[in-house]
Amino acid sequence: MLLTLWRSFFAICCFKSGPQDLPVSRDLLVLCLFAYGLSSFLLALSTQPIQIAILSGLIDAVLLAAISYAVLRLWRLPERWWQLTTALSGTGVIFSIVAIPLSYLLALSGNHHPLVLLLFLFVISLLVWNIGVMAHIIRHALSSSFALGVFVSLIYVWVITATINSLNPR
């Protein structure tokens, strides 16, 4: 079952399918949001104290669900929330699985290590790909253009980043 889920989310990450290809399932949504919050916590833990990392993971998952709902309500498509939120959180877990070791490597290597620039470029590439996947998912959920999906994705990333950075502005 987990392999099937992995393949489904990976197909979305490769732009081969969309959120409409996922089942409408409360259990799957809860599992994906939990895994997303946990992976956000582990990612934040590389640079933040544990209390802030816990809050970051929780806030990230809650905001993902809330922003998804708000955007779909705005477009009068709230029935698509289950699949949109499942797709965003499930693919977010995949990106976090790749980003977590990179984040820890960056945190441990310091600014003077020769591989820092290469790691940083890889992280930026991963972020751009993640935004592209989010835009792809949102485009399908809203039945709109990819450009609108990118716009909504960038707003989402900005809101999440600003909110989490306000927890510990260092």
N, C-alpha and C. Protein backbone atom coordinates (compact mmCIF):
# COMPACT_ATOMS: atom_id res chain seq x y z
N MET A 1 0.81 -1.19 0.00
CA MET A 1 0.00 0.00 0.00
C MET A 1 0.86 1.26 0.00
N LEU A 2 1.90 1.30 0.84
CA LEU A 2 2.77 2.47 0.89
C LEU A 2 3.50 2.68 -0.43
N LEU A 3 3.88 1.58 -1.08
CA LEU A 3 4.54 1.70 -2.38
C LEU A 3 3.59 2.30 -3.42
N THR A 4 2.34 1.90 -3.38
CA THR A 4 1.33 2.46 -4.29
C THR A 4 1.16 3.95 -4.04
N LEU A 5 1.10 4.34 -2.76
CA LEU A 5 0.99 5.76 -2.42
C LEU A 5 2.22 6.53 -2.92
N TRP A 6 3.38 5.96 -2.66
CA TRP A 6 4.63 6.59 -3.08
C TRP A 6 4.61 6.82 -4.60
N ARG A 7 4.21 5.81 -5.34
CA ARG A 7 4.15 5.93 -6.81
C ARG A 7 3.16 6.99 -7.25
N SER A 8 2.01 7.06 -6.57
CA SER A 8 1.00 8.06 -6.91
C SER A 8 1.53 9.48 -6.70
N PHE A 9 2.16 9.71 -5.56
CA PHE A 9 2.69 11.05 -5.28
C PHE A 9 3.89 11.36 -6.16
N PHE A 10 4.71 10.36 -6.43
CA PHE A 10 5.87 10.58 -7.29
C PHE A 10 5.41 10.91 -8.72
N ALA A 11 4.34 10.27 -9.19
CA ALA A 11 3.79 10.59 -10.52
C ALA A 11 3.33 12.04 -10.57
N ILE A 12 2.76 12.53 -9.49
CA ILE A 12 2.38 13.95 -9.44
C ILE A 12 3.63 14.82 -9.48
N CYS A 13 4.67 14.44 -8.75
CA CYS A 13 5.93 15.20 -8.75
C CYS A 13 6.57 15.23 -10.13
N CYS A 14 6.29 14.22 -10.95
CA CYS A 14 6.82 14.16 -12.32
C CYS A 14 5.84 14.74 -13.34
N PHE A 15 4.77 15.38 -12.85
CA PHE A 15 3.76 16.03 -13.69
C PHE A 15 3.01 15.03 -14.58
N LYS A 16 2.94 13.77 -14.16
CA LYS A 16 2.25 12.74 -14.94
C LYS A 16 0.81 12.55 -14.51
N SER A 17 0.47 13.00 -13.31
CA SER A 17 -0.91 12.91 -12.84
C SER A 17 -1.19 14.12 -11.97
N GLY A 18 -2.41 14.22 -11.50
CA GLY A 18 -2.81 15.37 -10.71
C GLY A 18 -3.57 14.95 -9.47
N PRO A 19 -4.05 15.91 -8.71
CA PRO A 19 -4.77 15.58 -7.47
C PRO A 19 -6.05 14.80 -7.73
N GLN A 20 -6.64 14.97 -8.88
CA GLN A 20 -7.87 14.25 -9.22
C GLN A 20 -7.64 12.74 -9.34
N ASP A 21 -6.39 12.32 -9.45
CA ASP A 21 -6.07 10.90 -9.55
C ASP A 21 -5.94 10.22 -8.19
N LEU A 22 -6.02 11.02 -7.12
CA LEU A 22 -5.95 10.47 -5.77
C LEU A 22 -7.36 10.18 -5.27
N PRO A 23 -7.50 9.19 -4.40
CA PRO A 23 -8.83 8.92 -3.84
C PRO A 23 -9.24 10.01 -2.84
N VAL A 24 -10.52 10.21 -2.71
CA VAL A 24 -11.05 11.09 -1.67
C VAL A 24 -11.14 10.23 -0.41
N SER A 25 -10.20 10.45 0.50
CA SER A 25 -10.13 9.60 1.67
C SER A 25 -9.69 10.41 2.88
N ARG A 26 -10.51 10.39 3.91
CA ARG A 26 -10.17 11.09 5.15
C ARG A 26 -8.93 10.49 5.78
N ASP A 27 -8.84 9.16 5.78
CA ASP A 27 -7.69 8.49 6.39
C ASP A 27 -6.39 8.84 5.66
N LEU A 28 -6.45 8.86 4.33
CA LEU A 28 -5.25 9.21 3.56
C LEU A 28 -4.86 10.66 3.81
N LEU A 29 -5.84 11.55 3.88
CA LEU A 29 -5.56 12.95 4.16
C LEU A 29 -4.91 13.12 5.53
N VAL A 30 -5.45 12.46 6.54
CA VAL A 30 -4.88 12.56 7.89
C VAL A 30 -3.46 12.01 7.91
N LEU A 31 -3.24 10.88 7.25
CA LEU A 31 -1.91 10.30 7.18
C LEU A 31 -0.93 11.25 6.49
N CYS A 32 -1.34 11.82 5.37
CA CYS A 32 -0.46 12.73 4.62
C CYS A 32 -0.18 14.01 5.41
N LEU A 33 -1.20 14.57 6.04
CA LEU A 33 -0.97 15.79 6.84
C LEU A 33 -0.07 15.50 8.04
N PHE A 34 -0.25 14.35 8.68
CA PHE A 34 0.63 13.99 9.79
C PHE A 34 2.07 13.83 9.31
N ALA A 35 2.26 13.10 8.21
CA ALA A 35 3.61 12.91 7.66
C ALA A 35 4.21 14.25 7.22
N TYR A 36 3.37 15.12 6.66
CA TYR A 36 3.84 16.45 6.23
C TYR A 36 4.29 17.28 7.44
N GLY A 37 3.48 17.29 8.49
CA GLY A 37 3.85 18.02 9.69
C GLY A 37 5.12 17.47 10.32
N LEU A 38 5.24 16.15 10.35
CA LEU A 38 6.44 15.51 10.90
C LEU A 38 7.67 15.86 10.06
N SER A 39 7.54 15.79 8.75
CA SER A 39 8.69 16.11 7.89
C SER A 39 9.04 17.60 7.98
N SER A 40 8.05 18.46 8.15
CA SER A 40 8.32 19.89 8.34
C SER A 40 9.05 20.12 9.66
N PHE A 41 8.64 19.38 10.70
CA PHE A 41 9.33 19.45 11.99
C PHE A 41 10.79 19.04 11.85
N LEU A 42 11.04 17.91 11.19
CA LEU A 42 12.41 17.42 11.02
C LEU A 42 13.25 18.39 10.20
N LEU A 43 12.65 19.01 9.22
CA LEU A 43 13.35 20.01 8.40
C LEU A 43 13.69 21.24 9.23
N ALA A 44 12.75 21.71 10.02
CA ALA A 44 12.98 22.89 10.86
C ALA A 44 13.99 22.60 11.96
N LEU A 45 14.05 21.37 12.41
CA LEU A 45 14.94 21.00 13.50
C LEU A 45 16.41 21.17 13.13
N SER A 46 16.72 21.18 11.85
CA SER A 46 18.12 21.37 11.43
C SER A 46 18.63 22.77 11.72
N THR A 47 17.71 23.72 11.88
CA THR A 47 18.14 25.11 12.10
C THR A 47 17.46 25.79 13.29
N GLN A 48 16.48 25.13 13.90
CA GLN A 48 15.69 25.76 14.96
C GLN A 48 15.74 24.93 16.24
N PRO A 49 15.51 25.58 17.40
CA PRO A 49 15.37 24.81 18.63
C PRO A 49 14.13 23.91 18.54
N ILE A 50 14.11 22.86 19.33
CA ILE A 50 13.06 21.84 19.21
C ILE A 50 11.65 22.41 19.40
N GLN A 51 11.47 23.37 20.33
CA GLN A 51 10.13 23.93 20.56
C GLN A 51 9.65 24.68 19.31
N ILE A 52 10.54 25.43 18.68
CA ILE A 52 10.19 26.18 17.47
C ILE A 52 9.95 25.20 16.32
N ALA A 53 10.76 24.15 16.24
CA ALA A 53 10.59 23.15 15.17
C ALA A 53 9.24 22.44 15.29
N ILE A 54 8.82 22.12 16.51
CA ILE A 54 7.51 21.49 16.71
C ILE A 54 6.41 22.44 16.24
N LEU A 55 6.49 23.68 16.67
CA LEU A 55 5.50 24.68 16.23
C LEU A 55 5.51 24.85 14.72
N SER A 56 6.70 24.87 14.14
CA SER A 56 6.83 25.03 12.69
C SER A 56 6.13 23.90 11.94
N GLY A 57 6.36 22.66 12.38
CA GLY A 57 5.71 21.53 11.72
C GLY A 57 4.20 21.58 11.84
N LEU A 58 3.72 21.93 13.03
CA LEU A 58 2.28 22.02 13.25
C LEU A 58 1.66 23.15 12.43
N ILE A 59 2.28 24.31 12.48
CA ILE A 59 1.76 25.48 11.75
C ILE A 59 1.79 25.24 10.24
N ASP A 60 2.87 24.62 9.76
CA ASP A 60 2.98 24.34 8.33
C ASP A 60 1.83 23.46 7.85
N ALA A 61 1.54 22.40 8.59
CA ALA A 61 0.45 21.48 8.20
C ALA A 61 -0.91 22.17 8.28
N VAL A 62 -1.13 22.93 9.34
CA VAL A 62 -2.42 23.62 9.50
C VAL A 62 -2.61 24.68 8.41
N LEU A 63 -1.56 25.44 8.12
CA LEU A 63 -1.67 26.46 7.08
C LEU A 63 -1.86 25.85 5.69
N LEU A 64 -1.22 24.71 5.43
CA LEU A 64 -1.42 24.05 4.15
C LEU A 64 -2.90 23.72 3.97
N ALA A 65 -3.50 23.14 5.00
CA ALA A 65 -4.92 22.78 4.93
C ALA A 65 -5.81 24.02 4.84
N ALA A 66 -5.50 25.04 5.63
CA ALA A 66 -6.33 26.25 5.65
C ALA A 66 -6.23 27.05 4.36
N ILE A 67 -5.02 27.22 3.85
CA ILE A 67 -4.86 27.98 2.60
C ILE A 67 -5.50 27.23 1.45
N SER A 68 -5.36 25.91 1.43
CA SER A 68 -6.01 25.11 0.38
C SER A 68 -7.52 25.32 0.41
N TYR A 69 -8.08 25.28 1.61
CA TYR A 69 -9.53 25.46 1.74
C TYR A 69 -9.94 26.87 1.31
N ALA A 70 -9.18 27.88 1.74
CA ALA A 70 -9.52 29.26 1.40
C ALA A 70 -9.48 29.49 -0.11
N VAL A 71 -8.46 28.98 -0.77
CA VAL A 71 -8.35 29.16 -2.21
C VAL A 71 -9.50 28.47 -2.94
N LEU A 72 -9.81 27.25 -2.52
CA LEU A 72 -10.91 26.53 -3.16
C LEU A 72 -12.26 27.19 -2.88
N ARG A 73 -12.45 27.73 -1.70
CA ARG A 73 -13.70 28.46 -1.41
C ARG A 73 -13.81 29.69 -2.30
N LEU A 74 -12.69 30.37 -2.49
CA LEU A 74 -12.67 31.55 -3.34
C LEU A 74 -13.09 31.21 -4.77
N TRP A 75 -12.68 30.03 -5.25
CA TRP A 75 -13.03 29.58 -6.59
C TRP A 75 -14.33 28.77 -6.61
N ARG A 76 -14.98 28.68 -5.46
CA ARG A 76 -16.23 27.94 -5.32
C ARG A 76 -16.10 26.46 -5.70
N LEU A 77 -14.99 25.87 -5.23
CA LEU A 77 -14.73 24.46 -5.49
C LEU A 77 -14.33 23.72 -4.21
N PRO A 78 -15.04 23.94 -3.10
CA PRO A 78 -14.60 23.35 -1.83
C PRO A 78 -14.61 21.82 -1.82
N GLU A 79 -15.36 21.21 -2.73
CA GLU A 79 -15.42 19.74 -2.77
C GLU A 79 -14.08 19.13 -3.21
N ARG A 80 -13.19 19.93 -3.75
CA ARG A 80 -11.88 19.43 -4.20
C ARG A 80 -10.81 19.51 -3.10
N TRP A 81 -11.21 19.99 -1.92
CA TRP A 81 -10.24 20.20 -0.84
C TRP A 81 -9.52 18.92 -0.43
N TRP A 82 -10.25 17.81 -0.31
CA TRP A 82 -9.64 16.55 0.14
C TRP A 82 -8.48 16.15 -0.74
N GLN A 83 -8.71 16.15 -2.05
CA GLN A 83 -7.67 15.71 -2.98
C GLN A 83 -6.55 16.75 -3.11
N LEU A 84 -6.90 18.02 -3.11
CA LEU A 84 -5.86 19.07 -3.20
C LEU A 84 -4.94 19.00 -1.99
N THR A 85 -5.50 18.95 -0.80
CA THR A 85 -4.69 18.94 0.42
C THR A 85 -3.90 17.65 0.53
N THR A 86 -4.48 16.54 0.13
CA THR A 86 -3.76 15.27 0.13
C THR A 86 -2.59 15.33 -0.83
N ALA A 87 -2.81 15.86 -2.04
CA ALA A 87 -1.75 15.95 -3.04
C ALA A 87 -0.62 16.88 -2.58
N LEU A 88 -0.98 18.05 -2.05
CA LEU A 88 0.04 19.00 -1.60
C LEU A 88 0.85 18.44 -0.44
N SER A 89 0.17 17.82 0.52
CA SER A 89 0.90 17.29 1.68
C SER A 89 1.71 16.05 1.30
N GLY A 90 1.17 15.18 0.47
CA GLY A 90 1.88 13.97 0.06
C GLY A 90 3.13 14.28 -0.75
N THR A 91 3.00 15.18 -1.71
CA THR A 91 4.19 15.56 -2.49
C THR A 91 5.16 16.37 -1.63
N GLY A 92 4.63 17.13 -0.69
CA GLY A 92 5.49 17.88 0.23
C GLY A 92 6.37 16.96 1.05
N VAL A 93 5.84 15.80 1.43
CA VAL A 93 6.62 14.82 2.17
C VAL A 93 7.78 14.31 1.31
N ILE A 94 7.52 14.05 0.04
CA ILE A 94 8.58 13.58 -0.85
C ILE A 94 9.69 14.62 -0.96
N PHE A 95 9.32 15.87 -1.15
CA PHE A 95 10.33 16.92 -1.23
C PHE A 95 11.09 17.07 0.08
N SER A 96 10.40 16.91 1.19
CA SER A 96 11.06 17.01 2.50
C SER A 96 12.05 15.87 2.71
N ILE A 97 11.70 14.68 2.25
CA ILE A 97 12.60 13.54 2.39
C ILE A 97 13.94 13.83 1.71
N VAL A 98 13.90 14.52 0.59
CA VAL A 98 15.14 14.90 -0.10
C VAL A 98 15.79 16.10 0.58
N ALA A 99 15.00 17.04 1.05
CA ALA A 99 15.54 18.28 1.61
C ALA A 99 16.13 18.12 3.01
N ILE A 100 15.61 17.19 3.80
CA ILE A 100 16.08 17.04 5.18
C ILE A 100 17.58 16.76 5.25
N PRO A 101 18.10 15.76 4.55
CA PRO A 101 19.55 15.54 4.64
C PRO A 101 20.36 16.72 4.10
N LEU A 102 19.85 17.37 3.06
CA LEU A 102 20.55 18.54 2.52
C LEU A 102 20.60 19.66 3.54
N SER A 103 19.50 19.87 4.23
CA SER A 103 19.43 20.91 5.24
C SER A 103 20.41 20.65 6.38
N TYR A 104 20.49 19.40 6.81
CA TYR A 104 21.43 19.05 7.88
C TYR A 104 22.87 19.18 7.40
N LEU A 105 23.14 18.79 6.15
CA LEU A 105 24.49 18.95 5.61
C LEU A 105 24.88 20.42 5.55
N LEU A 106 23.96 21.27 5.11
CA LEU A 106 24.24 22.71 5.07
C LEU A 106 24.47 23.26 6.47
N ALA A 107 23.67 22.83 7.43
CA ALA A 107 23.81 23.32 8.80
C ALA A 107 25.13 22.87 9.42
N LEU A 108 25.59 21.67 9.10
CA LEU A 108 26.81 21.14 9.68
C LEU A 108 28.08 21.60 8.97
N SER A 109 27.98 21.92 7.68
CA SER A 109 29.18 22.22 6.90
C SER A 109 29.73 23.62 7.13
N GLY A 110 28.92 24.54 7.60
CA GLY A 110 29.40 25.91 7.78
C GLY A 110 29.52 26.62 6.45
N ASN A 111 29.85 27.89 6.50
CA ASN A 111 29.90 28.72 5.29
C ASN A 111 31.17 28.56 4.47
N HIS A 112 32.17 27.92 5.00
CA HIS A 112 33.46 27.89 4.31
C HIS A 112 33.77 26.56 3.63
N HIS A 113 32.88 25.62 3.72
CA HIS A 113 33.10 24.32 3.08
C HIS A 113 32.91 24.46 1.57
N PRO A 114 33.77 23.83 0.77
CA PRO A 114 33.67 23.98 -0.69
C PRO A 114 32.36 23.46 -1.30
N LEU A 115 31.68 22.55 -0.63
CA LEU A 115 30.45 22.01 -1.19
C LEU A 115 29.21 22.82 -0.85
N VAL A 116 29.35 23.86 -0.05
CA VAL A 116 28.19 24.64 0.36
C VAL A 116 27.46 25.23 -0.84
N LEU A 117 28.19 25.79 -1.78
CA LEU A 117 27.55 26.39 -2.95
C LEU A 117 26.80 25.33 -3.75
N LEU A 118 27.39 24.17 -3.92
CA LEU A 118 26.73 23.09 -4.65
C LEU A 118 25.46 22.63 -3.92
N LEU A 119 25.56 22.46 -2.61
CA LEU A 119 24.38 22.07 -1.82
C LEU A 119 23.30 23.14 -1.90
N PHE A 120 23.71 24.40 -1.79
CA PHE A 120 22.76 25.51 -1.86
C PHE A 120 22.05 25.52 -3.22
N LEU A 121 22.79 25.33 -4.30
CA LEU A 121 22.18 25.30 -5.63
C LEU A 121 21.20 24.13 -5.77
N PHE A 122 21.55 23.00 -5.18
CA PHE A 122 20.65 21.85 -5.22
C PHE A 122 19.37 22.14 -4.44
N VAL A 123 19.50 22.80 -3.28
CA VAL A 123 18.32 23.16 -2.48
C VAL A 123 17.43 24.13 -3.25
N ILE A 124 18.03 25.11 -3.90
CA ILE A 124 17.26 26.07 -4.70
C ILE A 124 16.54 25.35 -5.85
N SER A 125 17.24 24.43 -6.51
CA SER A 125 16.60 23.65 -7.59
C SER A 125 15.43 22.83 -7.07
N LEU A 126 15.60 22.25 -5.90
CA LEU A 126 14.53 21.48 -5.27
C LEU A 126 13.33 22.37 -4.95
N LEU A 127 13.60 23.58 -4.46
CA LEU A 127 12.53 24.53 -4.16
C LEU A 127 11.77 24.93 -5.42
N VAL A 128 12.49 25.20 -6.50
CA VAL A 128 11.85 25.57 -7.76
C VAL A 128 10.98 24.41 -8.27
N TRP A 129 11.50 23.20 -8.20
CA TRP A 129 10.73 22.02 -8.61
C TRP A 129 9.49 21.86 -7.74
N ASN A 130 9.65 22.05 -6.43
CA ASN A 130 8.53 21.95 -5.51
C ASN A 130 7.44 22.97 -5.86
N ILE A 131 7.83 24.19 -6.12
CA ILE A 131 6.86 25.22 -6.50
C ILE A 131 6.17 24.85 -7.82
N GLY A 132 6.94 24.29 -8.75
CA GLY A 132 6.34 23.83 -10.01
C GLY A 132 5.31 22.74 -9.79
N VAL A 133 5.62 21.80 -8.90
CA VAL A 133 4.68 20.72 -8.59
C VAL A 133 3.44 21.28 -7.89
N MET A 134 3.65 22.19 -6.95
CA MET A 134 2.50 22.81 -6.28
C MET A 134 1.62 23.54 -7.30
N ALA A 135 2.26 24.26 -8.23
CA ALA A 135 1.51 24.98 -9.26
C ALA A 135 0.72 23.99 -10.13
N HIS A 136 1.34 22.87 -10.46
CA HIS A 136 0.68 21.83 -11.25
C HIS A 136 -0.56 21.29 -10.52
N ILE A 137 -0.40 21.03 -9.23
CA ILE A 137 -1.51 20.51 -8.41
C ILE A 137 -2.62 21.55 -8.31
N ILE A 138 -2.26 22.78 -8.02
CA ILE A 138 -3.25 23.86 -7.87
C ILE A 138 -3.95 24.14 -9.19
N ARG A 139 -3.20 24.10 -10.29
CA ARG A 139 -3.80 24.32 -11.61
C ARG A 139 -4.91 23.30 -11.87
N HIS A 140 -4.63 22.04 -11.55
CA HIS A 140 -5.64 21.00 -11.74
C HIS A 140 -6.83 21.21 -10.80
N ALA A 141 -6.54 21.55 -9.55
CA ALA A 141 -7.62 21.72 -8.57
C ALA A 141 -8.54 22.88 -8.93
N LEU A 142 -7.97 23.94 -9.49
CA LEU A 142 -8.76 25.12 -9.84
C LEU A 142 -9.23 25.11 -11.29
N SER A 143 -8.80 24.11 -12.06
CA SER A 143 -9.09 24.07 -13.50
C SER A 143 -8.69 25.39 -14.14
N SER A 144 -7.45 25.80 -13.88
CA SER A 144 -6.97 27.10 -14.35
C SER A 144 -5.62 26.95 -15.04
N SER A 145 -4.97 28.07 -15.25
CA SER A 145 -3.68 28.08 -15.93
C SER A 145 -2.54 27.73 -14.97
N PHE A 146 -1.43 27.32 -15.56
CA PHE A 146 -0.23 27.03 -14.78
C PHE A 146 0.29 28.32 -14.13
N ALA A 147 0.16 29.44 -14.84
CA ALA A 147 0.62 30.73 -14.29
C ALA A 147 -0.13 31.07 -13.00
N LEU A 148 -1.42 30.85 -12.97
CA LEU A 148 -2.19 31.09 -11.75
C LEU A 148 -1.74 30.13 -10.65
N GLY A 149 -1.46 28.88 -11.02
CA GLY A 149 -0.95 27.92 -10.06
C GLY A 149 0.38 28.37 -9.45
N VAL A 150 1.26 28.91 -10.28
CA VAL A 150 2.55 29.43 -9.78
C VAL A 150 2.29 30.59 -8.84
N PHE A 151 1.41 31.49 -9.21
CA PHE A 151 1.10 32.65 -8.38
C PHE A 151 0.58 32.21 -7.01
N VAL A 152 -0.38 31.31 -6.98
CA VAL A 152 -0.94 30.83 -5.71
C VAL A 152 0.13 30.09 -4.91
N SER A 153 0.96 29.31 -5.58
CA SER A 153 2.05 28.58 -4.90
C SER A 153 3.03 29.54 -4.25
N LEU A 154 3.40 30.60 -4.95
CA LEU A 154 4.33 31.58 -4.39
C LEU A 154 3.73 32.30 -3.19
N ILE A 155 2.45 32.61 -3.26
CA ILE A 155 1.78 33.24 -2.11
C ILE A 155 1.78 32.28 -0.93
N TYR A 156 1.48 31.01 -1.20
CA TYR A 156 1.49 30.00 -0.14
C TYR A 156 2.87 29.91 0.51
N VAL A 157 3.91 29.80 -0.30
CA VAL A 157 5.28 29.70 0.24
C VAL A 157 5.62 30.94 1.05
N TRP A 158 5.23 32.11 0.56
CA TRP A 158 5.51 33.35 1.28
C TRP A 158 4.79 33.38 2.64
N VAL A 159 3.52 33.01 2.66
CA VAL A 159 2.75 33.01 3.91
C VAL A 159 3.35 32.03 4.92
N ILE A 160 3.66 30.84 4.47
CA ILE A 160 4.25 29.82 5.36
C ILE A 160 5.59 30.31 5.89
N THR A 161 6.45 30.80 5.00
CA THR A 161 7.79 31.26 5.41
C THR A 161 7.70 32.43 6.38
N ALA A 162 6.86 33.40 6.07
CA ALA A 162 6.72 34.57 6.95
C ALA A 162 6.18 34.17 8.32
N THR A 163 5.21 33.28 8.33
CA THR A 163 4.62 32.84 9.60
C THR A 163 5.64 32.09 10.44
N ILE A 164 6.34 31.16 9.83
CA ILE A 164 7.32 30.36 10.58
C ILE A 164 8.51 31.21 11.01
N ASN A 165 8.95 32.12 10.15
CA ASN A 165 10.06 33.01 10.54
C ASN A 165 9.68 33.94 11.67
N SER A 166 8.41 34.25 11.81
CA SER A 166 7.99 35.12 12.91
C SER A 166 8.08 34.41 14.27
N LEU A 167 8.13 33.07 14.24
CA LEU A 167 8.28 32.31 15.48
C LEU A 167 9.66 32.51 16.11
N ASN A 168 10.66 32.56 15.26
CA ASN A 168 12.05 32.70 15.72
C ASN A 168 12.81 33.51 14.68
N PRO A 169 12.77 34.82 14.74
CA PRO A 169 13.29 35.67 13.67
C PRO A 169 14.81 35.70 13.54
N ARG A 170 15.54 34.84 14.21
CA ARG A 170 17.01 34.92 14.11
C ARG A 170 17.54 34.55 12.79
